[in-house]
Amino acid sequence: MVWEERWHPLRREWVIVSSHRNDRPWLGETVGEGNEPTPAYVPDCYLCPRNARISGARNPDYTSVYVFDNDHPCVGPKSPELPAPAPAFYQSRRADGMARVVCYTPRHDLTLAELSHGEIVRLLETFRDQYLELGARPEVRHVLSFENKGEVVGVSNPHPHAQIYATNFVFRAIEVEAQAAADHIAEHGRALFRDVIAAEEEDGRRLIVQHGDALSFVPYFARYPYETYIAPRESHQSLAGMSGGELADLAEVLRRTLVRMDNLWRMSFPYVMMLHQAPTDGAAYPGFHFYIQIQPPLRKPGLLKYLGGPELGGGNFLNDTAPEEKAAELRAVSETHYRAR
């Protein structure tokens, strides 16, 4: 078994190697994509209340958001010491940090799009609290919260949940964004993401939902057909800087945006959702603007946006659709979820 971090000298980024995770349990198909209704409680689901997990721990009879340490962490305080130095000029180190699971609800048959506004507010508050708690640990430089939803993105359990990786390095995408934000504010005196929001509102064609102090849009530079950003209008480096009112507006925009995605094809829309929050290493990050990124992999029902040579090999994306058209499709559908009773 190999559990460590290895430095990629060509890309200048850390790769987590955690071969023990290959044996983590796999429960099955995604909620809402079949014809059979999914029960609210599944006896063999290791995320449902009262059920035992593979580690032997038993979930409490939770009634709201439930957070626990991942039984199959990619980083953690129990990561082993390296058995030997890396060969040649390579670099490796312990995979220090924390990995946690965030169950949205005790209901197995729901998705984030189907939760109430209040439940989503509570979830965002949980992400905020976890960011503050884990970010305060001395070995943690970055807290990444994300959800993998749908079988096509490799989710191992359809029970609505997210994961948190608190790592001893800053993930590359955040590192690049932080530098871009710092460069922009140094040159122009304005936050880069605020300029993005201003440009999207002035154009208007790619906006999806606007509510109070938050909005969602398919960005002008979208890499995926239905890639969507959900953001507060004001610049905050993380959820921790937002007021209660801003958090409530963000939750409403997130809910309405995800409902529109599900309603587009009357299916549970798969996606990868990531919270872009500033690193927690104590450095200054001028101009950094928190936002939520939704990356759905589908171009059409049953048709994936496959990553090929330009994306995987070259590192630059090709988008075969127009962001303006995809945003218009999402605006045209109802905001009442198609499965709502």
C-alpha atoms as a PDB file:
ATOM      1  CA  MET A   1       0.000   0.000   0.000  1.00  0.00           C
ATOM      2  CA  VAL A   2       1.253   3.471  -0.888  1.00  0.00           C
ATOM      3  CA  TRP A   3      -0.091   6.499   0.975  1.00  0.00           C
ATOM      4  CA  GLU A   4       1.900   9.676   0.430  1.00  0.00           C
ATOM      5  CA  GLU A   5       2.197  12.866  -1.630  1.00  0.00           C
ATOM      6  CA  ARG A   6       4.490  12.975  -4.630  1.00  0.00           C
ATOM      7  CA  TRP A   7       5.719  16.128  -6.349  1.00  0.00           C
ATOM      8  CA  HIS A   8       4.995  16.434 -10.100  1.00  0.00           C
ATOM      9  CA  PRO A   9       8.035  18.392 -11.341  1.00  0.00           C
ATOM     10  CA  LEU A  10       6.588  19.027 -14.820  1.00  0.00           C
ATOM     11  CA  ARG A  11       3.320  20.545 -13.559  1.00  0.00           C
ATOM     12  CA  ARG A  12       4.723  21.871 -10.277  1.00  0.00           C
ATOM     13  CA  GLU A  13       1.961  20.392  -8.152  1.00  0.00           C
ATOM     14  CA  TRP A  14       1.458  17.687  -5.543  1.00  0.00           C
ATOM     15  CA  VAL A  15      -0.191  14.367  -6.409  1.00  0.00           C
ATOM     16  CA  ILE A  16      -1.824  12.404  -3.580  1.00  0.00           C
ATOM     17  CA  VAL A  17      -1.158   8.665  -3.901  1.00  0.00           C
ATOM     18  CA  SER A  18      -3.567   6.733  -1.646  1.00  0.00           C
ATOM     19  CA  SER A  19      -3.803   3.198  -2.967  1.00  0.00           C
ATOM     20  CA  HIS A  20      -5.805   2.006   0.053  1.00  0.00           C
ATOM     21  CA  ARG A  21      -8.786   3.992  -1.222  1.00  0.00           C
ATOM     22  CA  ASN A  22      -9.147   1.580  -4.138  1.00  0.00           C
ATOM     23  CA  ASP A  23     -10.940  -0.789  -1.748  1.00  0.00           C
ATOM     24  CA  ARG A  24     -13.512   1.704  -0.464  1.00  0.00           C
ATOM     25  CA  PRO A  25     -17.145   0.487  -0.692  1.00  0.00           C
ATOM     26  CA  TRP A  26     -19.229   1.129  -3.792  1.00  0.00           C
ATOM     27  CA  LEU A  27     -22.982   1.246  -3.269  1.00  0.00           C
ATOM     28  CA  GLY A  28     -24.447   1.612  -6.734  1.00  0.00           C
ATOM     29  CA  GLU A  29     -26.460   3.725  -9.119  1.00  0.00           C
ATOM     30  CA  THR A  30     -27.373   7.364  -8.765  1.00  0.00           C
ATOM     31  CA  VAL A  31     -30.556   8.627  -7.135  1.00  0.00           C
ATOM     32  CA  GLY A  32     -33.205   9.827  -9.562  1.00  0.00           C
ATOM     33  CA  GLU A  33     -31.755   8.452 -12.806  1.00  0.00           C
ATOM     34  CA  GLY A  34     -33.798   5.256 -12.858  1.00  0.00           C
ATOM     35  CA  ASN A  35     -37.525   4.611 -13.081  1.00  0.00           C
ATOM     36  CA  GLU A  36     -37.868   3.011  -9.659  1.00  0.00           C
ATOM     37  CA  PRO A  37     -38.439   5.350  -6.710  1.00  0.00           C
ATOM     38  CA  THR A  38     -35.635   5.432  -4.154  1.00  0.00           C
ATOM     39  CA  PRO A  39     -36.603   4.858  -0.517  1.00  0.00           C
ATOM     40  CA  ALA A  40     -35.850   7.496   2.099  1.00  0.00           C
ATOM     41  CA  TYR A  41     -33.857   4.932   4.097  1.00  0.00           C
ATOM     42  CA  VAL A  42     -31.645   2.167   2.682  1.00  0.00           C
ATOM     43  CA  PRO A  43     -30.534  -0.573   5.113  1.00  0.00           C
ATOM     44  CA  ASP A  44     -27.161  -1.216   3.460  1.00  0.00           C
ATOM     45  CA  CYS A  45     -26.257   2.450   2.881  1.00  0.00           C
ATOM     46  CA  TYR A  46     -23.244   3.361   5.018  1.00  0.00           C
ATOM     47  CA  LEU A  47     -24.353   7.017   5.113  1.00  0.00           C
ATOM     48  CA  CYS A  48     -27.955   6.541   6.260  1.00  0.00           C
ATOM     49  CA  PRO A  49     -28.779   7.124   9.945  1.00  0.00           C
ATOM     50  CA  ARG A  50     -28.220   4.260  12.398  1.00  0.00           C
ATOM     51  CA  ASN A  51     -26.310   2.169   9.839  1.00  0.00           C
ATOM     52  CA  ALA A  52     -22.818   0.757  10.353  1.00  0.00           C
ATOM     53  CA  ARG A  53     -19.979   1.937   8.151  1.00  0.00           C
ATOM     54  CA  ILE A  54     -17.174  -0.229   6.794  1.00  0.00           C
ATOM     55  CA  SER A  55     -14.938   0.922   9.663  1.00  0.00           C
ATOM     56  CA  GLY A  56     -17.373  -0.541  12.187  1.00  0.00           C
ATOM     57  CA  ALA A  57     -18.508   2.876  13.423  1.00  0.00           C
ATOM     58  CA  ARG A  58     -22.268   3.395  13.481  1.00  0.00           C
ATOM     59  CA  ASN A  59     -23.956   6.600  12.328  1.00  0.00           C
ATOM     60  CA  PRO A  60     -26.132   8.353  14.902  1.00  0.00           C
ATOM     61  CA  ASP A  61     -29.820   8.879  14.276  1.00  0.00           C
ATOM     62  CA  TYR A  62     -29.042  12.273  12.782  1.00  0.00           C
ATOM     63  CA  THR A  63     -31.798  14.615  11.641  1.00  0.00           C
ATOM     64  CA  SER A  64     -29.878  17.400   9.869  1.00  0.00           C
ATOM     65  CA  VAL A  65     -26.372  17.814   8.445  1.00  0.00           C
ATOM     66  CA  TYR A  66     -23.980  15.151   9.743  1.00  0.00           C
ATOM     67  CA  VAL A  67     -20.169  15.381   9.505  1.00  0.00           C
ATOM     68  CA  PHE A  68     -17.680  12.621  10.280  1.00  0.00           C
ATOM     69  CA  ASP A  69     -14.045  11.780   9.556  1.00  0.00           C
ATOM     70  CA  ASN A  70     -13.730   9.830   6.300  1.00  0.00           C
ATOM     71  CA  ASP A  71     -13.186   6.111   6.847  1.00  0.00           C
ATOM     72  CA  HIS A  72     -11.068   6.017   3.669  1.00  0.00           C
ATOM     73  CA  PRO A  73      -9.144   9.304   3.784  1.00  0.00           C
ATOM     74  CA  CYS A  74      -6.737  10.473   1.095  1.00  0.00           C
ATOM     75  CA  VAL A  75      -5.015  12.689   3.680  1.00  0.00           C
ATOM     76  CA  GLY A  76      -5.107  12.329   7.442  1.00  0.00           C
ATOM     77  CA  PRO A  77      -3.289  12.512  10.764  1.00  0.00           C
ATOM     78  CA  LYS A  78      -2.668   8.755  10.607  1.00  0.00           C
ATOM     79  CA  SER A  79      -0.888   8.843   7.255  1.00  0.00           C
ATOM     80  CA  PRO A  80       2.286   6.726   7.552  1.00  0.00           C
ATOM     81  CA  GLU A  81       5.830   7.962   7.710  1.00  0.00           C
ATOM     82  CA  LEU A  82       7.622   7.469   4.405  1.00  0.00           C
ATOM     83  CA  PRO A  83       9.389   4.092   4.324  1.00  0.00           C
ATOM     84  CA  ALA A  84      12.298   5.486   2.293  1.00  0.00           C
ATOM     85  CA  PRO A  85      13.380   8.695   0.539  1.00  0.00           C
ATOM     86  CA  ALA A  86      12.041   9.280  -2.958  1.00  0.00           C
ATOM     87  CA  PRO A  87      14.299   7.892  -5.692  1.00  0.00           C
ATOM     88  CA  ALA A  88      16.627  10.094  -7.766  1.00  0.00           C
ATOM     89  CA  PHE A  89      15.652  13.773  -7.666  1.00  0.00           C
ATOM     90  CA  TYR A  90      11.948  13.100  -6.920  1.00  0.00           C
ATOM     91  CA  GLN A  91      10.211  14.481  -3.837  1.00  0.00           C
ATOM     92  CA  SER A  92       7.643  12.834  -1.571  1.00  0.00           C
ATOM     93  CA  ARG A  93       6.198  13.481   1.868  1.00  0.00           C
ATOM     94  CA  ARG A  94       3.499  12.356   4.283  1.00  0.00           C
ATOM     95  CA  ALA A  95      -0.101  12.943   3.252  1.00  0.00           C
ATOM     96  CA  ASP A  96      -0.918  15.051   6.303  1.00  0.00           C
ATOM     97  CA  GLY A  97      -4.295  16.708   6.753  1.00  0.00           C
ATOM     98  CA  MET A  98      -7.911  15.728   7.351  1.00  0.00           C
ATOM     99  CA  ALA A  99     -10.655  14.224   5.183  1.00  0.00           C
ATOM    100  CA  ARG A 100     -14.309  14.415   6.188  1.00  0.00           C
ATOM    101  CA  VAL A 101     -17.716  13.460   4.827  1.00  0.00           C
ATOM    102  CA  VAL A 102     -20.705  15.832   5.018  1.00  0.00           C
ATOM    103  CA  CYS A 103     -24.127  14.162   4.795  1.00  0.00           C
ATOM    104  CA  TYR A 104     -26.674  16.760   3.702  1.00  0.00           C
ATOM    105  CA  THR A 105     -29.752  15.044   5.116  1.00  0.00           C
ATOM    106  CA  PRO A 106     -30.828  11.714   6.604  1.00  0.00           C
ATOM    107  CA  ARG A 107     -33.020  11.217   3.519  1.00  0.00           C
ATOM    108  CA  HIS A 108     -31.408   8.842   1.022  1.00  0.00           C
ATOM    109  CA  ASP A 109     -33.884   9.759  -1.712  1.00  0.00           C
ATOM    110  CA  LEU A 110     -33.150  13.487  -1.957  1.00  0.00           C
ATOM    111  CA  THR A 111     -30.519  15.576  -3.697  1.00  0.00           C
ATOM    112  CA  LEU A 112     -29.158  19.036  -2.944  1.00  0.00           C
ATOM    113  CA  ALA A 113     -31.595  20.506  -5.489  1.00  0.00           C
ATOM    114  CA  GLU A 114     -34.516  19.097  -3.514  1.00  0.00           C
ATOM    115  CA  LEU A 115     -33.552  20.454  -0.108  1.00  0.00           C
ATOM    116  CA  SER A 116     -35.374  23.450   1.320  1.00  0.00           C
ATOM    117  CA  HIS A 117     -33.821  26.887   1.461  1.00  0.00           C
ATOM    118  CA  GLY A 118     -33.300  26.545   5.209  1.00  0.00           C
ATOM    119  CA  GLU A 119     -31.581  23.187   4.810  1.00  0.00           C
ATOM    120  CA  ILE A 120     -29.172  24.634   2.257  1.00  0.00           C
ATOM    121  CA  VAL A 121     -28.418  27.576   4.551  1.00  0.00           C
ATOM    122  CA  ARG A 122     -27.575  25.073   7.287  1.00  0.00           C
ATOM    123  CA  LEU A 123     -25.322  23.185   4.889  1.00  0.00           C
ATOM    124  CA  LEU A 124     -23.439  26.344   3.904  1.00  0.00           C
ATOM    125  CA  GLU A 125     -23.034  27.184   7.585  1.00  0.00           C
ATOM    126  CA  THR A 126     -21.540  23.722   8.088  1.00  0.00           C
ATOM    127  CA  PHE A 127     -19.081  24.245   5.240  1.00  0.00           C
ATOM    128  CA  ARG A 128     -18.176  27.601   6.824  1.00  0.00           C
ATOM    129  CA  ASP A 129     -17.636  26.074  10.255  1.00  0.00           C
ATOM    130  CA  GLN A 130     -15.546  23.231   8.840  1.00  0.00           C
ATOM    131  CA  TYR A 131     -13.424  25.722   6.899  1.00  0.00           C
ATOM    132  CA  LEU A 132     -12.698  27.657  10.080  1.00  0.00           C
ATOM    133  CA  GLU A 133     -12.066  24.587  12.251  1.00  0.00           C
ATOM    134  CA  LEU A 134      -9.886  22.656   9.816  1.00  0.00           C
ATOM    135  CA  GLY A 135      -8.128  25.756   8.488  1.00  0.00           C
ATOM    136  CA  ALA A 136      -6.953  26.550  12.019  1.00  0.00           C
ATOM    137  CA  ARG A 137      -4.975  23.300  12.201  1.00  0.00           C
ATOM    138  CA  PRO A 138      -1.230  24.050  11.876  1.00  0.00           C
ATOM    139  CA  GLU A 139      -0.630  21.422   9.189  1.00  0.00           C
ATOM    140  CA  VAL A 140      -3.535  22.581   6.980  1.00  0.00           C
ATOM    141  CA  ARG A 141      -2.886  25.117   4.219  1.00  0.00           C
ATOM    142  CA  HIS A 142      -6.119  24.697   2.257  1.00  0.00           C
ATOM    143  CA  VAL A 143      -9.662  23.421   2.854  1.00  0.00           C
ATOM    144  CA  LEU A 144     -11.397  22.080  -0.254  1.00  0.00           C
ATOM    145  CA  SER A 145     -15.132  21.288  -0.012  1.00  0.00           C
ATOM    146  CA  PHE A 146     -16.756  19.531  -2.947  1.00  0.00           C
ATOM    147  CA  GLU A 147     -19.551  17.212  -4.065  1.00  0.00           C
ATOM    148  CA  ASN A 148     -19.335  14.527  -6.735  1.00  0.00           C
ATOM    149  CA  LYS A 149     -22.919  13.818  -7.832  1.00  0.00           C
ATOM    150  CA  GLY A 150     -23.919  11.074 -10.206  1.00  0.00           C
ATOM    151  CA  GLU A 151     -22.584   7.737 -11.364  1.00  0.00           C
ATOM    152  CA  VAL A 152     -20.942   9.301 -14.421  1.00  0.00           C
ATOM    153  CA  VAL A 153     -18.592  11.321 -12.198  1.00  0.00           C
ATOM    154  CA  GLY A 154     -17.718   8.269 -10.112  1.00  0.00           C
ATOM    155  CA  VAL A 155     -19.652   8.867  -6.905  1.00  0.00           C
ATOM    156  CA  SER A 156     -19.511   5.748  -4.740  1.00  0.00           C
ATOM    157  CA  ASN A 157     -22.735   6.363  -2.797  1.00  0.00           C
ATOM    158  CA  PRO A 158     -25.863   8.221  -3.997  1.00  0.00           C
ATOM    159  CA  HIS A 159     -26.819   9.352  -0.491  1.00  0.00           C
ATOM    160  CA  PRO A 160     -26.572  13.178  -0.737  1.00  0.00           C
ATOM    161  CA  HIS A 161     -23.163  14.096   0.632  1.00  0.00           C
ATOM    162  CA  ALA A 162     -20.032  16.153   0.064  1.00  0.00           C
ATOM    163  CA  GLN A 163     -16.418  15.700   1.058  1.00  0.00           C
ATOM    164  CA  ILE A 164     -13.832  17.982   2.619  1.00  0.00           C
ATOM    165  CA  TYR A 165     -10.095  17.659   2.039  1.00  0.00           C
ATOM    166  CA  ALA A 166      -7.977  19.753   4.399  1.00  0.00           C
ATOM    167  CA  THR A 167      -4.486  19.473   2.934  1.00  0.00           C
ATOM    168  CA  ASN A 168      -0.904  20.500   3.672  1.00  0.00           C
ATOM    169  CA  PHE A 169      -0.708  22.083   0.197  1.00  0.00           C
ATOM    170  CA  VAL A 170      -2.883  24.462  -1.826  1.00  0.00           C
ATOM    171  CA  PHE A 171      -4.726  22.825  -4.698  1.00  0.00           C
ATOM    172  CA  ARG A 172      -3.419  24.012  -8.044  1.00  0.00           C
ATOM    173  CA  ALA A 173      -6.643  25.593  -9.315  1.00  0.00           C
ATOM    174  CA  ILE A 174      -6.941  27.750  -6.196  1.00  0.00           C
ATOM    175  CA  GLU A 175      -3.256  28.655  -6.362  1.00  0.00           C
ATOM    176  CA  VAL A 176      -3.636  29.902  -9.957  1.00  0.00           C
ATOM    177  CA  GLU A 177      -6.842  31.817  -9.166  1.00  0.00           C
ATOM    178  CA  ALA A 178      -5.286  33.447  -6.129  1.00  0.00           C
ATOM    179  CA  GLN A 179      -2.337  34.666  -8.178  1.00  0.00           C
ATOM    180  CA  ALA A 180      -4.618  35.951 -10.956  1.00  0.00           C
ATOM    181  CA  ALA A 181      -6.717  37.839  -8.374  1.00  0.00           C
ATOM    182  CA  ALA A 182      -3.629  39.385  -6.773  1.00  0.00           C
ATOM    183  CA  ASP A 183      -2.188  40.434 -10.138  1.00  0.00           C
ATOM    184  CA  HIS A 184      -5.476  41.991 -11.257  1.00  0.00           C
ATOM    185  CA  ILE A 185      -6.063  44.043  -8.129  1.00  0.00           C
ATOM    186  CA  ALA A 186      -2.433  45.216  -8.167  1.00  0.00           C
ATOM    187  CA  GLU A 187      -2.769  46.393 -11.778  1.00  0.00           C
ATOM    188  CA  HIS A 188      -6.344  47.720 -11.808  1.00  0.00           C
ATOM    189  CA  GLY A 189      -7.232  48.353  -8.175  1.00  0.00           C
ATOM    190  CA  ARG A 190     -10.362  46.206  -8.477  1.00  0.00           C
ATOM    191  CA  ALA A 191     -11.183  42.616  -7.617  1.00  0.00           C
ATOM    192  CA  LEU A 192     -11.001  40.366 -10.677  1.00  0.00           C
ATOM    193  CA  PHE A 193     -14.185  38.436  -9.901  1.00  0.00           C
ATOM    194  CA  ARG A 194     -16.084  41.683  -9.318  1.00  0.00           C
ATOM    195  CA  ASP A 195     -15.107  42.669 -12.874  1.00  0.00           C
ATOM    196  CA  VAL A 196     -16.338  39.260 -14.086  1.00  0.00           C
ATOM    197  CA  ILE A 197     -19.694  39.829 -12.365  1.00  0.00           C
ATOM    198  CA  ALA A 198     -19.969  43.349 -13.802  1.00  0.00           C
ATOM    199  CA  ALA A 199     -19.277  42.062 -17.311  1.00  0.00           C
ATOM    200  CA  GLU A 200     -21.854  39.271 -16.984  1.00  0.00           C
ATOM    201  CA  GLU A 201     -24.532  41.633 -15.656  1.00  0.00           C
ATOM    202  CA  GLU A 202     -23.855  44.187 -18.359  1.00  0.00           C
ATOM    203  CA  ASP A 203     -24.184  41.538 -21.084  1.00  0.00           C
ATOM    204  CA  GLY A 204     -27.035  39.643 -19.395  1.00  0.00           C
ATOM    205  CA  ARG A 205     -27.203  36.717 -21.811  1.00  0.00           C
ATOM    206  CA  ARG A 206     -25.380  34.245 -19.562  1.00  0.00           C
ATOM    207  CA  LEU A 207     -27.161  35.071 -16.293  1.00  0.00           C
ATOM    208  CA  ILE A 208     -29.329  32.334 -14.786  1.00  0.00           C
ATOM    209  CA  VAL A 209     -30.576  33.458 -11.354  1.00  0.00           C
ATOM    210  CA  GLN A 210     -30.274  36.797  -9.547  1.00  0.00           C
ATOM    211  CA  HIS A 211     -31.495  37.165  -5.990  1.00  0.00           C
ATOM    212  CA  GLY A 212     -30.480  39.856  -3.517  1.00  0.00           C
ATOM    213  CA  ASP A 213     -26.743  39.779  -2.923  1.00  0.00           C
ATOM    214  CA  ALA A 214     -26.033  36.669  -5.023  1.00  0.00           C
ATOM    215  CA  LEU A 215     -26.283  35.477  -8.607  1.00  0.00           C
ATOM    216  CA  SER A 216     -25.485  32.555 -10.890  1.00  0.00           C
ATOM    217  CA  PHE A 217     -24.276  32.526 -14.477  1.00  0.00           C
ATOM    218  CA  VAL A 218     -22.599  30.449 -17.161  1.00  0.00           C
ATOM    219  CA  PRO A 219     -19.322  32.338 -17.527  1.00  0.00           C
ATOM    220  CA  TYR A 220     -18.217  33.816 -20.856  1.00  0.00           C
ATOM    221  CA  PHE A 221     -15.189  31.495 -20.714  1.00  0.00           C
ATOM    222  CA  ALA A 222     -17.048  28.308 -19.655  1.00  0.00           C
ATOM    223  CA  ARG A 223     -15.097  25.123 -20.326  1.00  0.00           C
ATOM    224  CA  TYR A 224     -18.054  22.746 -19.906  1.00  0.00           C
ATOM    225  CA  PRO A 225     -21.431  23.171 -21.689  1.00  0.00           C
ATOM    226  CA  TYR A 226     -23.400  23.907 -18.495  1.00  0.00           C
ATOM    227  CA  GLU A 227     -20.583  25.073 -16.231  1.00  0.00           C
ATOM    228  CA  THR A 228     -22.098  27.531 -13.767  1.00  0.00           C
ATOM    229  CA  TYR A 229     -20.782  29.916 -11.113  1.00  0.00           C
ATOM    230  CA  ILE A 230     -22.828  30.821  -8.020  1.00  0.00           C
ATOM    231  CA  ALA A 231     -21.373  33.772  -6.121  1.00  0.00           C
ATOM    232  CA  PRO A 232     -22.024  36.618  -3.712  1.00  0.00           C
ATOM    233  CA  ARG A 233     -21.780  40.056  -5.303  1.00  0.00           C
ATOM    234  CA  GLU A 234     -19.340  41.310  -2.680  1.00  0.00           C
ATOM    235  CA  SER A 235     -15.820  39.921  -2.431  1.00  0.00           C
ATOM    236  CA  HIS A 236     -15.240  37.560   0.479  1.00  0.00           C
ATOM    237  CA  GLN A 237     -12.319  35.193   0.732  1.00  0.00           C
ATOM    238  CA  SER A 238     -14.532  32.412   2.092  1.00  0.00           C
ATOM    239  CA  LEU A 239     -17.964  31.654   3.480  1.00  0.00           C
ATOM    240  CA  ALA A 240     -16.636  32.854   6.839  1.00  0.00           C
ATOM    241  CA  GLY A 241     -16.666  36.478   5.677  1.00  0.00           C
ATOM    242  CA  MET A 242     -20.296  36.514   4.552  1.00  0.00           C
ATOM    243  CA  SER A 243     -23.168  37.976   6.552  1.00  0.00           C
ATOM    244  CA  GLY A 244     -26.280  35.982   7.409  1.00  0.00           C
ATOM    245  CA  GLY A 245     -28.229  37.788   4.707  1.00  0.00           C
ATOM    246  CA  GLU A 246     -25.596  37.119   2.060  1.00  0.00           C
ATOM    247  CA  LEU A 247     -25.480  33.461   3.039  1.00  0.00           C
ATOM    248  CA  ALA A 248     -29.271  33.209   2.754  1.00  0.00           C
ATOM    249  CA  ASP A 249     -29.224  34.815  -0.708  1.00  0.00           C
ATOM    250  CA  LEU A 250     -26.434  32.494  -1.846  1.00  0.00           C
ATOM    251  CA  ALA A 251     -28.411  29.455  -0.645  1.00  0.00           C
ATOM    252  CA  GLU A 252     -31.483  30.590  -2.577  1.00  0.00           C
ATOM    253  CA  VAL A 253     -29.516  31.139  -5.789  1.00  0.00           C
ATOM    254  CA  LEU A 254     -27.812  27.762  -5.411  1.00  0.00           C
ATOM    255  CA  ARG A 255     -31.157  26.017  -4.844  1.00  0.00           C
ATOM    256  CA  ARG A 256     -32.901  27.660  -7.787  1.00  0.00           C
ATOM    257  CA  THR A 257     -29.956  27.049 -10.099  1.00  0.00           C
ATOM    258  CA  LEU A 258     -29.757  23.336  -9.281  1.00  0.00           C
ATOM    259  CA  VAL A 259     -33.541  22.957  -9.669  1.00  0.00           C
ATOM    260  CA  ARG A 260     -33.264  24.439 -13.161  1.00  0.00           C
ATOM    261  CA  MET A 261     -30.511  21.968 -14.034  1.00  0.00           C
ATOM    262  CA  ASP A 262     -32.645  19.017 -12.911  1.00  0.00           C
ATOM    263  CA  ASN A 263     -35.689  20.363 -14.737  1.00  0.00           C
ATOM    264  CA  LEU A 264     -33.822  20.854 -18.017  1.00  0.00           C
ATOM    265  CA  TRP A 265     -34.039  17.153 -18.884  1.00  0.00           C
ATOM    266  CA  ARG A 266     -36.219  15.986 -15.966  1.00  0.00           C
ATOM    267  CA  MET A 267     -33.418  14.004 -14.415  1.00  0.00           C
ATOM    268  CA  SER A 268     -31.052  14.245 -11.487  1.00  0.00           C
ATOM    269  CA  PHE A 269     -28.317  16.317 -13.124  1.00  0.00           C
ATOM    270  CA  PRO A 270     -24.816  14.944 -12.412  1.00  0.00           C
ATOM    271  CA  TYR A 271     -22.060  17.391 -11.605  1.00  0.00           C
ATOM    272  CA  VAL A 272     -18.933  18.189  -9.672  1.00  0.00           C
ATOM    273  CA  MET A 273     -19.479  21.084  -7.261  1.00  0.00           C
ATOM    274  CA  MET A 274     -16.501  22.859  -5.733  1.00  0.00           C
ATOM    275  CA  LEU A 275     -16.283  25.700  -3.223  1.00  0.00           C
ATOM    276  CA  HIS A 276     -13.503  28.105  -4.156  1.00  0.00           C
ATOM    277  CA  GLN A 277     -12.233  29.468  -0.827  1.00  0.00           C
ATOM    278  CA  ALA A 278      -8.912  31.146  -0.067  1.00  0.00           C
ATOM    279  CA  PRO A 279      -6.075  29.049   1.372  1.00  0.00           C
ATOM    280  CA  THR A 280      -5.720  28.956   5.147  1.00  0.00           C
ATOM    281  CA  ASP A 281      -1.914  29.166   5.307  1.00  0.00           C
ATOM    282  CA  GLY A 282      -1.878  32.649   6.831  1.00  0.00           C
ATOM    283  CA  ALA A 283      -0.739  34.413   3.659  1.00  0.00           C
ATOM    284  CA  ALA A 284      -2.541  37.456   2.234  1.00  0.00           C
ATOM    285  CA  TYR A 285      -4.775  36.824  -0.759  1.00  0.00           C
ATOM    286  CA  PRO A 286      -5.779  40.262  -2.082  1.00  0.00           C
ATOM    287  CA  GLY A 287      -8.788  40.305  -4.365  1.00  0.00           C
ATOM    288  CA  PHE A 288      -9.739  36.663  -3.782  1.00  0.00           C
ATOM    289  CA  HIS A 289     -13.498  36.167  -4.262  1.00  0.00           C
ATOM    290  CA  PHE A 290     -15.325  33.108  -2.943  1.00  0.00           C
ATOM    291  CA  TYR A 291     -17.663  31.323  -5.334  1.00  0.00           C
ATOM    292  CA  ILE A 292     -19.232  27.919  -6.002  1.00  0.00           C
ATOM    293  CA  GLN A 293     -18.454  26.196  -9.280  1.00  0.00           C
ATOM    294  CA  ILE A 294     -20.794  23.602 -10.811  1.00  0.00           C
ATOM    295  CA  GLN A 295     -19.323  21.448 -13.572  1.00  0.00           C
ATOM    296  CA  PRO A 296     -21.950  19.124 -15.100  1.00  0.00           C
ATOM    297  CA  PRO A 297     -20.312  16.585 -17.462  1.00  0.00           C
ATOM    298  CA  LEU A 298     -23.337  16.129 -19.772  1.00  0.00           C
ATOM    299  CA  ARG A 299     -23.738  17.828 -23.139  1.00  0.00           C
ATOM    300  CA  LYS A 300     -27.098  16.157 -23.749  1.00  0.00           C
ATOM    301  CA  PRO A 301     -28.970  13.349 -21.962  1.00  0.00           C
ATOM    302  CA  GLY A 302     -26.685  10.336 -22.114  1.00  0.00           C
ATOM    303  CA  LEU A 303     -23.914  12.253 -23.897  1.00  0.00           C
ATOM    304  CA  LEU A 304     -20.839  13.140 -21.868  1.00  0.00           C
ATOM    305  CA  LYS A 305     -18.374  15.935 -22.420  1.00  0.00           C
ATOM    306  CA  TYR A 306     -15.349  13.677 -22.808  1.00  0.00           C
ATOM    307  CA  LEU A 307     -11.903  15.006 -22.051  1.00  0.00           C
ATOM    308  CA  GLY A 308      -9.486  14.271 -24.878  1.00  0.00           C
ATOM    309  CA  GLY A 309      -6.060  15.289 -26.088  1.00  0.00           C
ATOM    310  CA  PRO A 310      -6.435  19.086 -25.839  1.00  0.00           C
ATOM    311  CA  GLU A 311      -7.888  18.901 -22.312  1.00  0.00           C
ATOM    312  CA  LEU A 312      -5.978  16.023 -20.716  1.00  0.00           C
ATOM    313  CA  GLY A 313      -2.812  16.301 -22.750  1.00  0.00           C
ATOM    314  CA  GLY A 314      -2.639  19.980 -23.591  1.00  0.00           C
ATOM    315  CA  GLY A 315      -4.368  21.387 -20.523  1.00  0.00           C
ATOM    316  CA  ASN A 316      -6.716  23.672 -22.497  1.00  0.00           C
ATOM    317  CA  PHE A 317     -10.428  22.960 -22.874  1.00  0.00           C
ATOM    318  CA  LEU A 318     -12.533  22.889 -26.036  1.00  0.00           C
ATOM    319  CA  ASN A 319     -16.191  23.814 -25.522  1.00  0.00           C
ATOM    320  CA  ASP A 320     -18.373  22.617 -28.383  1.00  0.00           C
ATOM    321  CA  THR A 321     -21.341  24.703 -27.198  1.00  0.00           C
ATOM    322  CA  ALA A 322     -22.005  28.408 -26.728  1.00  0.00           C
ATOM    323  CA  PRO A 323     -22.315  29.570 -23.088  1.00  0.00           C
ATOM    324  CA  GLU A 324     -25.050  32.013 -24.135  1.00  0.00           C
ATOM    325  CA  GLU A 325     -27.185  29.155 -25.518  1.00  0.00           C
ATOM    326  CA  LYS A 326     -26.714  26.949 -22.468  1.00  0.00           C
ATOM    327  CA  ALA A 327     -27.629  29.766 -20.073  1.00  0.00           C
ATOM    328  CA  ALA A 328     -30.763  30.496 -22.128  1.00  0.00           C
ATOM    329  CA  GLU A 329     -31.787  26.831 -21.839  1.00  0.00           C
ATOM    330  CA  LEU A 330     -31.462  26.940 -18.054  1.00  0.00           C
ATOM    331  CA  ARG A 331     -33.365  30.229 -17.783  1.00  0.00           C
ATOM    332  CA  ALA A 332     -36.252  28.816 -19.816  1.00  0.00           C
ATOM    333  CA  VAL A 333     -37.164  26.004 -17.391  1.00  0.00           C
ATOM    334  CA  SER A 334     -39.261  26.092 -14.241  1.00  0.00           C
ATOM    335  CA  GLU A 335     -37.937  26.685 -10.729  1.00  0.00           C
ATOM    336  CA  THR A 336     -40.343  24.151  -9.244  1.00  0.00           C
ATOM    337  CA  HIS A 337     -38.539  20.834  -9.078  1.00  0.00           C
ATOM    338  CA  TYR A 338     -40.065  18.223 -11.374  1.00  0.00           C
ATOM    339  CA  ARG A 339     -40.138  15.663  -8.545  1.00  0.00           C
ATOM    340  CA  ALA A 340     -41.846  18.018  -6.094  1.00  0.00           C
ATOM    341  CA  ARG A 341     -45.087  16.566  -4.808  1.00  0.00           C
END
